[in-house]
Protein backbone atom coordinates (compact mmCIF):
# COMPACT_ATOMS: atom_id res chain seq x y z
CA MET A 1 6.44 -16.34 11.15
CA SER A 2 6.80 -16.82 7.44
CA ASP A 3 10.27 -16.90 5.90
CA VAL A 4 8.77 -14.90 3.01
CA ILE A 5 8.72 -11.97 5.42
CA THR A 6 12.11 -12.46 7.05
CA THR A 7 14.83 -12.87 4.44
CA SER A 8 17.95 -14.76 5.38
CA SER A 9 19.75 -17.19 3.16
CA PRO A 10 21.60 -20.18 4.64
CA ASN A 11 24.90 -19.31 6.37
CA SER A 12 24.31 -15.57 5.89
CA ASN A 13 23.46 -12.85 8.38
CA PRO A 14 19.71 -12.70 9.06
CA THR A 15 17.69 -9.59 8.33
CA MET A 16 14.27 -8.51 9.50
CA SER A 17 11.71 -6.79 7.30
CA SER A 18 9.60 -3.77 8.17
CA ARG A 19 6.49 -5.88 7.61
CA GLU A 20 7.58 -8.46 10.17
CA ILE A 21 8.45 -5.71 12.65
CA ALA A 22 4.94 -4.34 12.12
CA ASP A 23 3.45 -7.80 12.75
CA LEU A 24 5.52 -8.28 15.91
CA THR A 25 4.86 -4.84 17.39
CA GLY A 26 1.26 -4.40 16.30
CA LYS A 27 2.10 -1.11 14.58
CA ALA A 28 0.77 -0.17 11.15
CA HIS A 29 3.32 -1.09 8.45
CA LYS A 30 3.29 2.42 6.98
CA HIS A 31 4.20 3.79 10.43
CA VAL A 32 7.10 1.33 10.74
CA ILE A 33 8.34 2.44 7.28
CA ARG A 34 8.13 6.05 8.46
CA ASP A 35 10.04 5.26 11.68
CA ILE A 36 12.79 3.48 9.74
CA GLU A 37 13.19 6.33 7.24
CA VAL A 38 13.43 8.86 10.08
CA MET A 39 15.99 6.68 11.87
CA ILE A 40 18.14 6.25 8.74
CA SER A 41 17.98 9.98 7.99
CA GLU A 42 19.23 10.71 11.51
CA ILE A 43 22.02 8.11 11.27
CA GLU A 44 23.20 9.07 7.78
CA LYS A 45 24.28 12.70 7.69
CA ASP A 46 23.24 13.11 4.06
CA GLY A 47 20.09 11.01 4.33
CA PRO A 48 19.51 7.38 3.25
CA ASP A 49 21.91 5.97 0.68
CA LEU A 50 20.84 5.02 -2.80
CA ASP A 51 19.34 1.55 -3.06
CA HIS A 52 22.49 -0.03 -4.52
CA GLN A 53 24.61 1.46 -1.72
CA ALA A 54 22.26 0.75 1.18
CA LYS A 55 22.94 -2.99 1.58
CA SER A 56 26.49 -2.38 2.70
CA LYS A 57 25.15 -0.08 5.43
CA GLY A 58 22.82 -2.72 6.88
CA TYR A 59 19.49 -1.83 5.30
CA ASP A 60 17.85 -2.55 1.97
CA PHE A 61 14.85 -1.00 0.20
CA GLU A 62 12.28 -3.06 -1.68
CA ARG A 63 10.15 -0.91 -4.01
CA ASP A 64 6.93 -1.43 -5.97
CA ASN A 65 6.58 -0.79 -9.71
CA ARG A 66 5.83 2.89 -9.04
CA GLY A 67 9.09 3.42 -7.17
CA TYR A 68 7.50 3.71 -3.71
CA VAL A 69 9.16 1.92 -0.78
CA LYS A 70 7.23 -1.30 -0.15
CA ILE A 71 9.42 -3.06 2.43
CA ILE A 72 12.70 -2.19 4.17
CA HIS A 73 15.03 -4.96 5.40
CA LEU A 74 17.22 -4.21 8.43
CA ASP A 75 20.23 -5.94 9.95
CA ARG A 76 20.40 -6.58 13.70
CA SER A 77 22.02 -3.25 14.57
CA HIS A 78 19.43 -1.16 12.74
CA THR A 79 16.57 -3.29 14.07
CA ILE A 80 17.66 -2.82 17.68
CA THR A 81 18.25 0.90 17.10
CA LEU A 82 14.73 1.22 15.69
CA ILE A 83 12.91 -0.60 18.49
CA THR A 84 14.73 1.33 21.22
CA GLY A 85 11.99 3.91 20.83
CA TYR A 86 9.18 1.32 21.16
CA ASP A 87 7.65 0.09 24.42
CA ALA A 88 9.06 -2.85 26.38
CA ARG A 89 6.48 -5.39 25.19
CA GLN A 90 7.10 -4.51 21.53
CA ARG A 91 10.88 -4.63 22.01
CA LYS A 92 10.72 -8.06 23.63
CA ARG A 93 8.75 -9.58 20.73
CA VAL A 94 11.35 -8.33 18.23
CA VAL A 95 14.30 -9.46 20.39
CA ASP A 96 12.77 -12.93 20.84
CA ARG A 97 12.36 -13.20 17.07
CA TRP A 98 16.01 -12.23 16.54
CA LEU A 99 17.12 -14.93 18.99
CA GLU A 100 15.01 -17.44 17.05
CA LEU A 101 16.65 -16.39 13.78
CA GLU A 102 20.17 -16.54 15.17
CA ASN A 103 19.62 -19.94 16.79
CA LYS A 104 18.62 -21.62 13.54
CA PRO A 105 21.11 -24.44 12.90
CA ALA A 106 23.55 -23.80 10.07
CA ILE A 107 23.25 -26.10 7.09
CA ALA A 108 26.23 -28.40 6.79
CA ALA A 109 28.12 -28.27 3.51
CA PRO A 110 27.60 -31.39 1.34
CA SER A 111 30.48 -33.86 1.52
CA ASN A 112 29.97 -35.52 -1.86
CA MET A 113 28.30 -35.02 -5.23
CA VAL A 114 25.15 -36.98 -4.29
CA GLU A 115 24.57 -34.79 -1.21
CA ALA A 116 25.27 -31.66 -3.24
CA LEU A 117 22.74 -32.61 -5.92
CA THR A 118 20.16 -33.62 -3.30
CA LEU A 119 20.59 -30.29 -1.50
CA ALA A 120 20.35 -28.35 -4.76
CA LEU A 121 17.13 -30.20 -5.67
CA GLU A 122 15.58 -29.51 -2.27
CA GLN A 123 16.49 -25.82 -2.49
CA GLN A 124 15.04 -25.61 -6.00
CA LYS A 125 11.76 -27.12 -4.75
CA GLU A 126 11.66 -24.60 -1.88
CA LEU A 127 12.27 -21.70 -4.26
CA GLN A 128 9.54 -22.89 -6.60
CA ALA A 129 7.10 -23.22 -3.69
CA LYS A 130 7.95 -19.71 -2.48
CA ASP A 131 7.64 -18.30 -6.00
CA ALA A 132 4.17 -19.85 -6.28
CA GLU A 133 3.19 -18.44 -2.90
CA ILE A 134 4.47 -14.97 -3.83
CA ALA A 135 2.66 -15.09 -7.19
CA GLU A 136 -0.58 -15.92 -5.35
CA LEU A 137 -0.16 -13.29 -2.62
CA THR A 138 1.17 -10.40 -4.73
CA PRO A 139 -2.12 -9.32 -6.36
CA LYS A 140 -3.91 -9.64 -3.02
CA ALA A 141 -1.26 -7.51 -1.33
CA ALA A 142 -1.48 -4.97 -4.16
CA ALA A 143 -5.22 -4.78 -3.65
CA LEU A 144 -4.83 -4.17 0.07
CA ASP A 145 -2.14 -1.53 -0.56
CA ALA A 146 -4.33 0.27 -3.08
CA ILE A 147 -7.34 0.16 -0.78
CA SER A 148 -5.27 1.50 2.13
CA GLU A 149 -4.08 4.36 -0.07
CA ALA A 150 -7.67 5.19 -1.11
CA GLU A 151 -8.63 7.02 2.07
CA GLY A 152 -11.29 9.54 1.13
CA ASP A 153 -12.23 7.73 -2.10
CA MET A 154 -15.91 6.86 -2.49
CA GLY A 155 -18.20 4.87 -4.72
CA VAL A 156 -20.93 6.69 -6.63
CA ARG A 157 -23.68 5.72 -4.18
CA ASP A 158 -21.76 6.97 -1.14
CA ALA A 159 -20.76 10.12 -3.03
CA GLY A 160 -24.43 10.86 -3.72
CA ARG A 161 -25.12 10.69 0.02
CA GLU A 162 -22.06 12.75 0.95
CA LEU A 163 -22.97 15.54 -1.49
CA ASP A 164 -25.90 16.76 0.62
CA GLY A 165 -27.91 13.76 -0.52
CA ILE A 166 -28.18 14.67 -4.22
CA GLY A 167 -28.22 10.97 -5.05
CA GLN A 168 -26.42 8.35 -7.11
CA THR A 169 -28.36 9.04 -10.33
CA LYS A 170 -27.37 12.72 -10.52
CA VAL A 171 -23.73 11.96 -9.73
CA THR A 172 -23.59 9.23 -12.39
CA ALA A 173 -25.18 11.50 -15.01
CA TYR A 174 -22.64 14.25 -14.32
CA LEU A 175 -19.68 11.86 -14.52
CA LEU A 176 -20.82 10.55 -17.90
CA ASP A 177 -21.88 13.92 -19.34
CA HIS A 178 -18.60 15.62 -18.43
CA LYS A 179 -16.31 12.77 -19.48
CA TRP A 180 -15.09 11.84 -16.02
CA ALA A 181 -16.27 8.30 -16.64
CA CYS A 182 -17.62 6.00 -19.33
CA ARG A 183 -19.51 2.74 -19.28
CA GLU A 184 -18.08 -0.70 -19.89
CA GLY A 185 -21.14 -2.90 -19.98
CA ARG A 186 -23.08 -2.00 -16.85
CA LYS A 187 -20.02 -0.82 -14.95
CA LEU A 188 -18.40 2.60 -14.76
CA LYS A 189 -14.74 3.03 -15.59
CA PRO A 190 -12.61 6.21 -15.49
CA ALA A 191 -12.40 8.18 -18.74
CA HIS A 192 -9.20 9.95 -19.78
CA TYR A 193 -10.29 13.34 -18.42
CA GLY A 194 -11.30 11.94 -15.04
CA LEU A 195 -8.02 10.06 -14.69
CA SER A 196 -5.81 12.91 -15.88
CA GLN A 197 -7.43 15.33 -13.42
CA GLY A 198 -7.18 12.86 -10.55
CA TYR A 199 -10.96 12.89 -10.09
CA CYS A 200 -11.58 9.13 -10.28
CA ARG A 201 -9.77 5.82 -10.59
CA LEU A 202 -10.15 2.05 -10.39
CA VAL A 203 -9.23 0.41 -7.09
CA PRO A 204 -8.37 -3.32 -6.85
CA LYS A 205 -10.77 -5.21 -4.62
CA SER A 206 -10.52 -8.76 -3.36
CA TYR A 207 -13.65 -10.91 -3.36
CA GLN A 208 -14.54 -14.57 -2.92
CA ASP A 209 -15.86 -16.45 -5.94
CA ARG A 210 -19.24 -17.81 -4.90
CA HIS A 211 -18.79 -20.97 -6.98
CA THR A 212 -15.18 -21.95 -6.25
CA GLY A 213 -14.59 -20.12 -2.96
CA GLU A 214 -11.32 -18.81 -4.41
CA THR A 215 -10.16 -15.31 -3.50
CA CYS A 216 -10.10 -13.20 -6.68
CA ILE A 217 -9.13 -9.64 -7.55
CA GLY A 218 -11.61 -7.29 -9.23
CA HIS A 219 -11.78 -3.51 -9.65
CA ASP A 220 -14.18 -0.91 -8.27
CA PHE A 221 -14.81 2.57 -9.66
CA ARG A 222 -13.98 5.23 -7.09
CA ILE A 223 -14.28 9.00 -6.98
CA THR A 224 -11.18 10.44 -5.31
CA ALA A 225 -11.23 12.99 -2.50
CA ARG A 226 -10.20 15.61 -5.08
CA GLY A 227 -13.03 14.58 -7.39
CA LEU A 228 -15.53 14.63 -4.54
CA ALA A 229 -14.44 18.14 -3.57
CA ARG A 230 -14.93 19.23 -7.18
CA LEU A 231 -18.37 17.64 -7.42
CA ALA A 232 -19.46 19.41 -4.26
CA ILE A 233 -18.81 22.74 -5.96
CA VAL A 234 -20.34 22.00 -9.36
CA LEU A 235 -23.35 20.03 -8.12
CA CYS A 236 -24.12 21.59 -4.74
CA GLY A 237 -22.85 25.14 -5.25
CA ILE A 238 -19.73 27.04 -4.25
CA ASN A 239 -21.25 28.25 -0.97
CA SER A 240 -22.91 24.96 -0.06
CA GLY A 241 -22.11 23.13 3.13
CA ALA A 242 -20.78 20.16 1.16
CA ALA A 243 -18.43 22.36 -0.89
CA ARG A 244 -16.98 23.98 2.22
CA ARG A 245 -16.77 20.72 4.16
CA LEU A 246 -15.09 18.73 1.40
CA ASN A 247 -12.73 21.54 0.40
CA GLY A 248 -11.66 22.12 3.99
CA LYS A 249 -13.07 25.65 4.20
CA LYS A 250 -14.98 27.34 7.01
CA GLY A 251 -17.04 30.50 7.08
CA LYS A 252 -19.30 32.00 4.43
CA ASN A 253 -16.78 34.44 3.01
CA THR A 254 -13.93 31.96 2.65
CA PRO A 255 -13.23 31.30 -1.03
CA VAL A 256 -13.01 27.71 -2.27
CA PRO A 257 -10.67 26.41 -5.00
CA PHE A 258 -11.69 25.34 -8.52
CA ALA A 259 -13.46 28.23 -10.20
CA LEU A 260 -16.39 26.90 -12.24
CA THR A 261 -15.79 26.58 -15.96
CA PRO A 262 -18.52 27.29 -18.55
CA ALA A 263 -18.65 23.57 -19.41
CA GLU A 264 -19.33 22.62 -15.81
CA THR A 265 -22.15 25.10 -15.36
CA ALA A 266 -23.89 23.84 -18.49
């Protein structure tokens, strides 16, 4: 198990991250985050503490650049409290990992200046190696996070099939004509209107360079679930099967959202 996941500095109390708990238990990370937040809310009468207060309580939030919780670190007490609700096999994996963490030998304090400098140099090399690893993994993790959050998003080709088979060409023409998207070379990219309305976006995508074999990060144009629901109305018709399916409506007389504007009917 990587020490990048479990954070514990020498001679300090170990902690376990939500991502490692997810790996050990086989649960989805977002479900572990949810379980931890529910647990903390039940423990703390007024809900989870602010980030700068949480560490003293035995848990710590790590957030992404949008402010969303990315990882939560727990001390032993909170970890055991969390896994009490999991099955025996999952609990045992987490307990075994805790025993491994606690049985790590403590690092002896240097007895002279030479040992102190040697230790400092070794720690600096370890930090630099971890920083390099994090720098390499961060964009890949961001791509996976973005893709996992894109449930319901579709490319133009799949959208053309989903919209009662009207086709990629008609969808692309509408996106360009109504300023949802614009072209950058041969590729589509979201225009201001499409982004501001939440109709489309770019999603990071990892791919392997065919020449170097290196894993790289690119971007794919995606129509969001909201945009797809809108397209179903304007391209297929308010009472079409696609409009009712994608807007979550049933029955012929059930109204759908998004009244057509004059510009969209043109």
